[in-house]
mmCIF file of all heavy atoms, coordinates in Angstrom:
data_MODEL
# 
_entry.id   MODEL 
# 
loop_
_atom_site.group_PDB 
_atom_site.id 
_atom_site.type_symbol 
_atom_site.label_atom_id 
_atom_site.label_alt_id 
_atom_site.label_comp_id 
_atom_site.label_asym_id 
_atom_site.label_entity_id 
_atom_site.label_seq_id 
_atom_site.pdbx_PDB_ins_code 
_atom_site.Cartn_x 
_atom_site.Cartn_y 
_atom_site.Cartn_z 
_atom_site.occupancy 
_atom_site.B_iso_or_equiv 
_atom_site.pdbx_formal_charge 
_atom_site.auth_seq_id 
_atom_site.auth_comp_id 
_atom_site.auth_asym_id 
_atom_site.auth_atom_id 
_atom_site.pdbx_PDB_model_num 
ATOM 1   N N   . ASP A 1 1  ? 25.789 -64.868 10.161 1.00 0.00 ? 1  ASP A N   1 
ATOM 2   C CA  . ASP A 1 1  ? 25.269 -66.165 10.729 1.00 0.00 ? 1  ASP A CA  1 
ATOM 3   C C   . ASP A 1 1  ? 26.338 -66.690 11.683 1.00 0.00 ? 1  ASP A C   1 
ATOM 4   O O   . ASP A 1 1  ? 27.382 -67.127 11.208 1.00 0.00 ? 1  ASP A O   1 
ATOM 5   C CB  . ASP A 1 1  ? 25.004 -67.129 9.642  1.00 0.00 ? 1  ASP A CB  1 
ATOM 6   C CG  . ASP A 1 1  ? 24.432 -68.397 10.104 1.00 0.00 ? 1  ASP A CG  1 
ATOM 7   O OD1 . ASP A 1 1  ? 24.080 -68.493 11.338 1.00 0.00 ? 1  ASP A OD1 1 
ATOM 8   O OD2 . ASP A 1 1  ? 24.358 -69.386 9.307  1.00 0.00 ? 1  ASP A OD2 1 
ATOM 9   N N   . GLY A 1 2  ? 26.138 -66.509 12.924 1.00 0.00 ? 2  GLY A N   1 
ATOM 10  C CA  . GLY A 1 2  ? 27.153 -66.915 13.886 1.00 0.00 ? 2  GLY A CA  1 
ATOM 11  C C   . GLY A 1 2  ? 27.410 -65.772 14.837 1.00 0.00 ? 2  GLY A C   1 
ATOM 12  O O   . GLY A 1 2  ? 26.512 -65.077 15.387 1.00 0.00 ? 2  GLY A O   1 
ATOM 13  N N   . PHE A 1 3  ? 28.725 -65.375 15.035 1.00 0.00 ? 3  PHE A N   1 
ATOM 14  C CA  . PHE A 1 3  ? 29.078 -64.354 15.997 1.00 0.00 ? 3  PHE A CA  1 
ATOM 15  C C   . PHE A 1 3  ? 29.768 -63.251 15.206 1.00 0.00 ? 3  PHE A C   1 
ATOM 16  O O   . PHE A 1 3  ? 30.802 -63.486 14.587 1.00 0.00 ? 3  PHE A O   1 
ATOM 17  C CB  . PHE A 1 3  ? 29.930 -64.891 17.068 1.00 0.00 ? 3  PHE A CB  1 
ATOM 18  C CG  . PHE A 1 3  ? 29.316 -65.958 17.897 1.00 0.00 ? 3  PHE A CG  1 
ATOM 19  C CD1 . PHE A 1 3  ? 29.523 -67.312 17.522 1.00 0.00 ? 3  PHE A CD1 1 
ATOM 20  C CD2 . PHE A 1 3  ? 28.442 -65.685 18.927 1.00 0.00 ? 3  PHE A CD2 1 
ATOM 21  C CE1 . PHE A 1 3  ? 28.926 -68.307 18.282 1.00 0.00 ? 3  PHE A CE1 1 
ATOM 22  C CE2 . PHE A 1 3  ? 27.841 -66.715 19.685 1.00 0.00 ? 3  PHE A CE2 1 
ATOM 23  C CZ  . PHE A 1 3  ? 28.090 -68.002 19.355 1.00 0.00 ? 3  PHE A CZ  1 
ATOM 24  N N   . ALA A 1 4  ? 29.219 -62.038 15.247 1.00 0.00 ? 4  ALA A N   1 
ATOM 25  C CA  . ALA A 1 4  ? 29.925 -60.869 14.663 1.00 0.00 ? 4  ALA A CA  1 
ATOM 26  C C   . ALA A 1 4  ? 30.985 -60.236 15.503 1.00 0.00 ? 4  ALA A C   1 
ATOM 27  O O   . ALA A 1 4  ? 31.875 -59.502 15.010 1.00 0.00 ? 4  ALA A O   1 
ATOM 28  C CB  . ALA A 1 4  ? 28.895 -59.840 14.227 1.00 0.00 ? 4  ALA A CB  1 
ATOM 29  N N   . ASP A 1 5  ? 30.966 -60.623 16.808 1.00 0.00 ? 5  ASP A N   1 
ATOM 30  C CA  . ASP A 1 5  ? 31.899 -59.979 17.733 1.00 0.00 ? 5  ASP A CA  1 
ATOM 31  C C   . ASP A 1 5  ? 32.490 -61.037 18.622 1.00 0.00 ? 5  ASP A C   1 
ATOM 32  O O   . ASP A 1 5  ? 31.896 -62.089 18.859 1.00 0.00 ? 5  ASP A O   1 
ATOM 33  C CB  . ASP A 1 5  ? 31.215 -58.938 18.578 1.00 0.00 ? 5  ASP A CB  1 
ATOM 34  C CG  . ASP A 1 5  ? 32.200 -57.945 19.186 1.00 0.00 ? 5  ASP A CG  1 
ATOM 35  O OD1 . ASP A 1 5  ? 33.395 -58.105 19.021 1.00 0.00 ? 5  ASP A OD1 1 
ATOM 36  O OD2 . ASP A 1 5  ? 31.630 -56.946 19.979 1.00 0.00 ? 5  ASP A OD2 1 
ATOM 37  N N   . GLY A 1 6  ? 33.736 -60.742 19.142 1.00 0.00 ? 6  GLY A N   1 
ATOM 38  C CA  . GLY A 1 6  ? 34.358 -61.642 20.132 1.00 0.00 ? 6  GLY A CA  1 
ATOM 39  C C   . GLY A 1 6  ? 35.028 -62.809 19.555 1.00 0.00 ? 6  GLY A C   1 
ATOM 40  O O   . GLY A 1 6  ? 35.441 -63.737 20.335 1.00 0.00 ? 6  GLY A O   1 
ATOM 41  N N   . ASN A 1 7  ? 35.258 -62.898 18.236 1.00 0.00 ? 7  ASN A N   1 
ATOM 42  C CA  . ASN A 1 7  ? 35.925 -64.123 17.674 1.00 0.00 ? 7  ASN A CA  1 
ATOM 43  C C   . ASN A 1 7  ? 37.454 -63.897 17.841 1.00 0.00 ? 7  ASN A C   1 
ATOM 44  O O   . ASN A 1 7  ? 38.084 -62.976 17.396 1.00 0.00 ? 7  ASN A O   1 
ATOM 45  C CB  . ASN A 1 7  ? 35.554 -64.112 16.106 1.00 0.00 ? 7  ASN A CB  1 
ATOM 46  C CG  . ASN A 1 7  ? 34.135 -64.382 15.921 1.00 0.00 ? 7  ASN A CG  1 
ATOM 47  O OD1 . ASN A 1 7  ? 33.503 -65.370 16.319 1.00 0.00 ? 7  ASN A OD1 1 
ATOM 48  N ND2 . ASN A 1 7  ? 33.464 -63.427 15.208 1.00 0.00 ? 7  ASN A ND2 1 
ATOM 49  N N   . THR A 1 8  ? 38.031 -64.945 18.417 1.00 0.00 ? 8  THR A N   1 
ATOM 50  C CA  . THR A 1 8  ? 39.495 -64.884 18.647 1.00 0.00 ? 8  THR A CA  1 
ATOM 51  C C   . THR A 1 8  ? 40.256 -65.324 17.374 1.00 0.00 ? 8  THR A C   1 
ATOM 52  O O   . THR A 1 8  ? 39.845 -66.077 16.644 1.00 0.00 ? 8  THR A O   1 
ATOM 53  C CB  . THR A 1 8  ? 39.901 -65.842 19.745 1.00 0.00 ? 8  THR A CB  1 
ATOM 54  O OG1 . THR A 1 8  ? 39.529 -67.201 19.491 1.00 0.00 ? 8  THR A OG1 1 
ATOM 55  C CG2 . THR A 1 8  ? 39.252 -65.471 21.118 1.00 0.00 ? 8  THR A CG2 1 
ATOM 56  N N   . ILE A 1 9  ? 41.475 -64.716 17.262 1.00 0.00 ? 9  ILE A N   1 
ATOM 57  C CA  . ILE A 1 9  ? 42.357 -65.008 16.118 1.00 0.00 ? 9  ILE A CA  1 
ATOM 58  C C   . ILE A 1 9  ? 43.350 -66.059 16.697 1.00 0.00 ? 9  ILE A C   1 
ATOM 59  O O   . ILE A 1 9  ? 44.322 -65.725 17.363 1.00 0.00 ? 9  ILE A O   1 
ATOM 60  C CB  . ILE A 1 9  ? 43.078 -63.825 15.670 1.00 0.00 ? 9  ILE A CB  1 
ATOM 61  C CG1 . ILE A 1 9  ? 41.992 -62.698 15.234 1.00 0.00 ? 9  ILE A CG1 1 
ATOM 62  C CG2 . ILE A 1 9  ? 44.007 -64.128 14.478 1.00 0.00 ? 9  ILE A CG2 1 
ATOM 63  C CD1 . ILE A 1 9  ? 42.582 -61.442 14.770 1.00 0.00 ? 9  ILE A CD1 1 
ATOM 64  N N   . ASP A 1 10 ? 43.098 -67.233 16.406 1.00 0.00 ? 10 ASP A N   1 
ATOM 65  C CA  . ASP A 1 10 ? 43.867 -68.423 17.011 1.00 0.00 ? 10 ASP A CA  1 
ATOM 66  C C   . ASP A 1 10 ? 45.073 -68.853 16.151 1.00 0.00 ? 10 ASP A C   1 
ATOM 67  O O   . ASP A 1 10 ? 45.961 -69.432 16.710 1.00 0.00 ? 10 ASP A O   1 
ATOM 68  C CB  . ASP A 1 10 ? 42.969 -69.634 17.172 1.00 0.00 ? 10 ASP A CB  1 
ATOM 69  C CG  . ASP A 1 10 ? 41.735 -69.277 18.139 1.00 0.00 ? 10 ASP A CG  1 
ATOM 70  O OD1 . ASP A 1 10 ? 41.978 -68.664 19.128 1.00 0.00 ? 10 ASP A OD1 1 
ATOM 71  O OD2 . ASP A 1 10 ? 40.673 -69.767 17.793 1.00 0.00 ? 10 ASP A OD2 1 
ATOM 72  N N   . ASP A 1 11 ? 45.123 -68.429 14.900 1.00 0.00 ? 11 ASP A N   1 
ATOM 73  C CA  . ASP A 1 11 ? 46.248 -68.827 14.070 1.00 0.00 ? 11 ASP A CA  1 
ATOM 74  C C   . ASP A 1 11 ? 47.363 -67.827 14.170 1.00 0.00 ? 11 ASP A C   1 
ATOM 75  O O   . ASP A 1 11 ? 47.317 -66.730 13.645 1.00 0.00 ? 11 ASP A O   1 
ATOM 76  C CB  . ASP A 1 11 ? 45.741 -68.954 12.601 1.00 0.00 ? 11 ASP A CB  1 
ATOM 77  C CG  . ASP A 1 11 ? 46.839 -69.615 11.656 1.00 0.00 ? 11 ASP A CG  1 
ATOM 78  O OD1 . ASP A 1 11 ? 47.923 -69.784 12.125 1.00 0.00 ? 11 ASP A OD1 1 
ATOM 79  O OD2 . ASP A 1 11 ? 46.501 -69.836 10.521 1.00 0.00 ? 11 ASP A OD2 1 
ATOM 80  N N   . ASN A 1 12 ? 48.404 -68.190 14.946 1.00 0.00 ? 12 ASN A N   1 
ATOM 81  C CA  . ASN A 1 12 ? 49.481 -67.241 15.122 1.00 0.00 ? 12 ASN A CA  1 
ATOM 82  C C   . ASN A 1 12 ? 50.794 -68.014 15.339 1.00 0.00 ? 12 ASN A C   1 
ATOM 83  O O   . ASN A 1 12 ? 50.730 -69.238 15.794 1.00 0.00 ? 12 ASN A O   1 
ATOM 84  C CB  . ASN A 1 12 ? 49.300 -66.311 16.313 1.00 0.00 ? 12 ASN A CB  1 
ATOM 85  C CG  . ASN A 1 12 ? 49.137 -67.050 17.604 1.00 0.00 ? 12 ASN A CG  1 
ATOM 86  O OD1 . ASN A 1 12 ? 50.126 -67.428 18.270 1.00 0.00 ? 12 ASN A OD1 1 
ATOM 87  N ND2 . ASN A 1 12 ? 47.858 -67.241 18.033 1.00 0.00 ? 12 ASN A ND2 1 
ATOM 88  N N   . GLU A 1 13 ? 51.901 -67.465 14.866 1.00 0.00 ? 13 GLU A N   1 
ATOM 89  C CA  . GLU A 1 13 ? 53.213 -68.169 15.033 1.00 0.00 ? 13 GLU A CA  1 
ATOM 90  C C   . GLU A 1 13 ? 54.300 -67.130 15.129 1.00 0.00 ? 13 GLU A C   1 
ATOM 91  O O   . GLU A 1 13 ? 54.278 -66.047 14.468 1.00 0.00 ? 13 GLU A O   1 
ATOM 92  C CB  . GLU A 1 13 ? 53.480 -69.095 13.813 1.00 0.00 ? 13 GLU A CB  1 
ATOM 93  C CG  . GLU A 1 13 ? 53.272 -68.444 12.441 1.00 0.00 ? 13 GLU A CG  1 
ATOM 94  C CD  . GLU A 1 13 ? 53.418 -69.376 11.289 1.00 0.00 ? 13 GLU A CD  1 
ATOM 95  O OE1 . GLU A 1 13 ? 53.498 -70.615 11.613 1.00 0.00 ? 13 GLU A OE1 1 
ATOM 96  O OE2 . GLU A 1 13 ? 53.406 -68.935 10.147 1.00 0.00 ? 13 GLU A OE2 1 
ATOM 97  N N   . GLU A 1 14 ? 55.233 -67.362 16.075 1.00 0.00 ? 14 GLU A N   1 
ATOM 98  C CA  . GLU A 1 14 ? 56.360 -66.453 16.251 1.00 0.00 ? 14 GLU A CA  1 
ATOM 99  C C   . GLU A 1 14 ? 57.366 -66.510 15.109 1.00 0.00 ? 14 GLU A C   1 
ATOM 100 O O   . GLU A 1 14 ? 57.569 -67.542 14.498 1.00 0.00 ? 14 GLU A O   1 
ATOM 101 C CB  . GLU A 1 14 ? 57.013 -66.728 17.593 1.00 0.00 ? 14 GLU A CB  1 
ATOM 102 C CG  . GLU A 1 14 ? 56.127 -66.464 18.798 1.00 0.00 ? 14 GLU A CG  1 
ATOM 103 C CD  . GLU A 1 14 ? 56.906 -66.735 20.138 1.00 0.00 ? 14 GLU A CD  1 
ATOM 104 O OE1 . GLU A 1 14 ? 57.938 -67.354 20.066 1.00 0.00 ? 14 GLU A OE1 1 
ATOM 105 O OE2 . GLU A 1 14 ? 56.328 -66.381 21.155 1.00 0.00 ? 14 GLU A OE2 1 
ATOM 106 N N   . SER A 1 15 ? 58.019 -65.381 14.897 1.00 0.00 ? 15 SER A N   1 
ATOM 107 C CA  . SER A 1 15 ? 59.103 -65.326 13.910 1.00 0.00 ? 15 SER A CA  1 
ATOM 108 C C   . SER A 1 15 ? 60.249 -66.194 14.426 1.00 0.00 ? 15 SER A C   1 
ATOM 109 O O   . SER A 1 15 ? 60.456 -66.433 15.552 1.00 0.00 ? 15 SER A O   1 
ATOM 110 C CB  . SER A 1 15 ? 59.595 -63.925 13.661 1.00 0.00 ? 15 SER A CB  1 
ATOM 111 O OG  . SER A 1 15 ? 60.061 -63.351 14.968 1.00 0.00 ? 15 SER A OG  1 
ATOM 112 N N   . ILE A 1 16 ? 61.013 -66.718 13.385 1.00 0.00 ? 16 ILE A N   1 
ATOM 113 C CA  . ILE A 1 16 ? 62.153 -67.627 13.687 1.00 0.00 ? 16 ILE A CA  1 
ATOM 114 C C   . ILE A 1 16 ? 63.446 -66.981 13.215 1.00 0.00 ? 16 ILE A C   1 
ATOM 115 O O   . ILE A 1 16 ? 63.601 -66.638 12.038 1.00 0.00 ? 16 ILE A O   1 
ATOM 116 C CB  . ILE A 1 16 ? 61.926 -68.995 13.042 1.00 0.00 ? 16 ILE A CB  1 
ATOM 117 C CG1 . ILE A 1 16 ? 60.658 -69.588 13.433 1.00 0.00 ? 16 ILE A CG1 1 
ATOM 118 C CG2 . ILE A 1 16 ? 63.113 -69.889 13.294 1.00 0.00 ? 16 ILE A CG2 1 
ATOM 119 C CD1 . ILE A 1 16 ? 60.344 -70.927 12.674 1.00 0.00 ? 16 ILE A CD1 1 
ATOM 120 N N   . ASN A 1 17 ? 64.399 -66.806 14.193 1.00 0.00 ? 17 ASN A N   1 
ATOM 121 C CA  . ASN A 1 17 ? 65.707 -66.241 13.865 1.00 0.00 ? 17 ASN A CA  1 
ATOM 122 C C   . ASN A 1 17 ? 65.730 -65.031 13.122 1.00 0.00 ? 17 ASN A C   1 
ATOM 123 O O   . ASN A 1 17 ? 66.491 -64.754 12.213 1.00 0.00 ? 17 ASN A O   1 
ATOM 124 C CB  . ASN A 1 17 ? 66.526 -67.352 13.050 1.00 0.00 ? 17 ASN A CB  1 
ATOM 125 C CG  . ASN A 1 17 ? 66.764 -68.664 13.824 1.00 0.00 ? 17 ASN A CG  1 
ATOM 126 O OD1 . ASN A 1 17 ? 66.874 -68.638 15.016 1.00 0.00 ? 17 ASN A OD1 1 
ATOM 127 N ND2 . ASN A 1 17 ? 66.671 -69.753 13.090 1.00 0.00 ? 17 ASN A ND2 1 
ATOM 128 N N   . THR A 1 18 ? 64.795 -64.093 13.481 1.00 0.00 ? 18 THR A N   1 
ATOM 129 C CA  . THR A 1 18 ? 64.756 -62.802 12.861 1.00 0.00 ? 18 THR A CA  1 
ATOM 130 C C   . THR A 1 18 ? 65.320 -61.760 13.813 1.00 0.00 ? 18 THR A C   1 
ATOM 131 O O   . THR A 1 18 ? 65.200 -61.917 14.993 1.00 0.00 ? 18 THR A O   1 
ATOM 132 C CB  . THR A 1 18 ? 63.310 -62.392 12.398 1.00 0.00 ? 18 THR A CB  1 
ATOM 133 O OG1 . THR A 1 18 ? 62.477 -62.423 13.640 1.00 0.00 ? 18 THR A OG1 1 
ATOM 134 C CG2 . THR A 1 18 ? 62.781 -63.303 11.347 1.00 0.00 ? 18 THR A CG2 1 
ATOM 135 N N   . ASN A 1 19 ? 65.958 -60.683 13.181 1.00 0.00 ? 19 ASN A N   1 
ATOM 136 C CA  . ASN A 1 19 ? 66.458 -59.590 14.056 1.00 0.00 ? 19 ASN A CA  1 
ATOM 137 C C   . ASN A 1 19 ? 65.310 -58.805 14.711 1.00 0.00 ? 19 ASN A C   1 
ATOM 138 O O   . ASN A 1 19 ? 65.395 -58.532 15.924 1.00 0.00 ? 19 ASN A O   1 
ATOM 139 C CB  . ASN A 1 19 ? 67.251 -58.680 13.150 1.00 0.00 ? 19 ASN A CB  1 
ATOM 140 C CG  . ASN A 1 19 ? 67.823 -57.538 13.928 1.00 0.00 ? 19 ASN A CG  1 
ATOM 141 O OD1 . ASN A 1 19 ? 68.586 -57.750 14.885 1.00 0.00 ? 19 ASN A OD1 1 
ATOM 142 N ND2 . ASN A 1 19 ? 67.458 -56.274 13.545 1.00 0.00 ? 19 ASN A ND2 1 
ATOM 143 N N   . THR A 1 20 ? 64.263 -58.563 13.940 1.00 0.00 ? 20 THR A N   1 
ATOM 144 C CA  . THR A 1 20 ? 63.058 -57.937 14.491 1.00 0.00 ? 20 THR A CA  1 
ATOM 145 C C   . THR A 1 20 ? 62.086 -59.030 14.877 1.00 0.00 ? 20 THR A C   1 
ATOM 146 O O   . THR A 1 20 ? 61.611 -59.801 14.120 1.00 0.00 ? 20 THR A O   1 
ATOM 147 C CB  . THR A 1 20 ? 62.440 -57.061 13.517 1.00 0.00 ? 20 THR A CB  1 
ATOM 148 O OG1 . THR A 1 20 ? 63.245 -55.929 13.201 1.00 0.00 ? 20 THR A OG1 1 
ATOM 149 C CG2 . THR A 1 20 ? 61.086 -56.410 14.034 1.00 0.00 ? 20 THR A CG2 1 
ATOM 150 N N   . LEU A 1 21 ? 61.830 -59.073 16.232 1.00 0.00 ? 21 LEU A N   1 
ATOM 151 C CA  . LEU A 1 21 ? 60.898 -60.101 16.682 1.00 0.00 ? 21 LEU A CA  1 
ATOM 152 C C   . LEU A 1 21 ? 59.517 -59.706 16.306 1.00 0.00 ? 21 LEU A C   1 
ATOM 153 O O   . LEU A 1 21 ? 59.103 -58.524 16.401 1.00 0.00 ? 21 LEU A O   1 
ATOM 154 C CB  . LEU A 1 21 ? 61.013 -60.264 18.257 1.00 0.00 ? 21 LEU A CB  1 
ATOM 155 C CG  . LEU A 1 21 ? 62.315 -60.668 18.819 1.00 0.00 ? 21 LEU A CG  1 
ATOM 156 C CD1 . LEU A 1 21 ? 62.279 -60.760 20.318 1.00 0.00 ? 21 LEU A CD1 1 
ATOM 157 C CD2 . LEU A 1 21 ? 62.799 -62.018 18.247 1.00 0.00 ? 21 LEU A CD2 1 
ATOM 158 N N   . TYR A 1 22 ? 58.684 -60.687 15.893 1.00 0.00 ? 22 TYR A N   1 
ATOM 159 C CA  . TYR A 1 22 ? 57.302 -60.467 15.604 1.00 0.00 ? 22 TYR A CA  1 
ATOM 160 C C   . TYR A 1 22 ? 56.508 -61.748 15.749 1.00 0.00 ? 22 TYR A C   1 
ATOM 161 O O   . TYR A 1 22 ? 57.063 -62.855 15.648 1.00 0.00 ? 22 TYR A O   1 
ATOM 162 C CB  . TYR A 1 22 ? 57.177 -59.822 14.268 1.00 0.00 ? 22 TYR A CB  1 
ATOM 163 C CG  . TYR A 1 22 ? 57.593 -60.620 13.060 1.00 0.00 ? 22 TYR A CG  1 
ATOM 164 C CD1 . TYR A 1 22 ? 56.751 -61.641 12.400 1.00 0.00 ? 22 TYR A CD1 1 
ATOM 165 C CD2 . TYR A 1 22 ? 58.862 -60.455 12.480 1.00 0.00 ? 22 TYR A CD2 1 
ATOM 166 C CE1 . TYR A 1 22 ? 57.186 -62.336 11.365 1.00 0.00 ? 22 TYR A CE1 1 
ATOM 167 C CE2 . TYR A 1 22 ? 59.311 -61.188 11.431 1.00 0.00 ? 22 TYR A CE2 1 
ATOM 168 C CZ  . TYR A 1 22 ? 58.475 -62.078 10.842 1.00 0.00 ? 22 TYR A CZ  1 
ATOM 169 O OH  . TYR A 1 22 ? 58.912 -62.822 9.782  1.00 0.00 ? 22 TYR A OH  1 
ATOM 170 N N   . THR A 1 23 ? 55.212 -61.581 15.896 1.00 0.00 ? 23 THR A N   1 
ATOM 171 C CA  . THR A 1 23 ? 54.316 -62.783 15.834 1.00 0.00 ? 23 THR A CA  1 
ATOM 172 C C   . THR A 1 23 ? 53.308 -62.568 14.674 1.00 0.00 ? 23 THR A C   1 
ATOM 173 O O   . THR A 1 23 ? 52.702 -61.474 14.577 1.00 0.00 ? 23 THR A O   1 
ATOM 174 C CB  . THR A 1 23 ? 53.534 -62.850 17.142 1.00 0.00 ? 23 THR A CB  1 
ATOM 175 O OG1 . THR A 1 23 ? 54.391 -63.017 18.216 1.00 0.00 ? 23 THR A OG1 1 
ATOM 176 C CG2 . THR A 1 23 ? 52.654 -64.111 17.138 1.00 0.00 ? 23 THR A CG2 1 
ATOM 177 N N   . HIS A 1 24 ? 53.265 -63.523 13.828 1.00 0.00 ? 24 HIS A N   1 
ATOM 178 C CA  . HIS A 1 24 ? 52.394 -63.416 12.638 1.00 0.00 ? 24 HIS A CA  1 
ATOM 179 C C   . HIS A 1 24 ? 50.985 -64.050 12.962 1.00 0.00 ? 24 HIS A C   1 
ATOM 180 O O   . HIS A 1 24 ? 50.827 -65.183 13.409 1.00 0.00 ? 24 HIS A O   1 
ATOM 181 C CB  . HIS A 1 24 ? 53.013 -64.180 11.433 1.00 0.00 ? 24 HIS A CB  1 
ATOM 182 C CG  . HIS A 1 24 ? 52.160 -63.988 10.236 1.00 0.00 ? 24 HIS A CG  1 
ATOM 183 N ND1 . HIS A 1 24 ? 52.219 -62.876 9.500  1.00 0.00 ? 24 HIS A ND1 1 
ATOM 184 C CD2 . HIS A 1 24 ? 51.377 -64.893 9.549  1.00 0.00 ? 24 HIS A CD2 1 
ATOM 185 C CE1 . HIS A 1 24 ? 51.351 -63.038 8.394  1.00 0.00 ? 24 HIS A CE1 1 
ATOM 186 N NE2 . HIS A 1 24 ? 50.903 -64.252 8.451  1.00 0.00 ? 24 HIS A NE2 1 
# 
């Protein structure tokens, strides 16, 4: 019910002060 495709993942945050950079 709604959209099965094309849904964006809006909840994201960059890592803070980590040696390996990543976005969660």
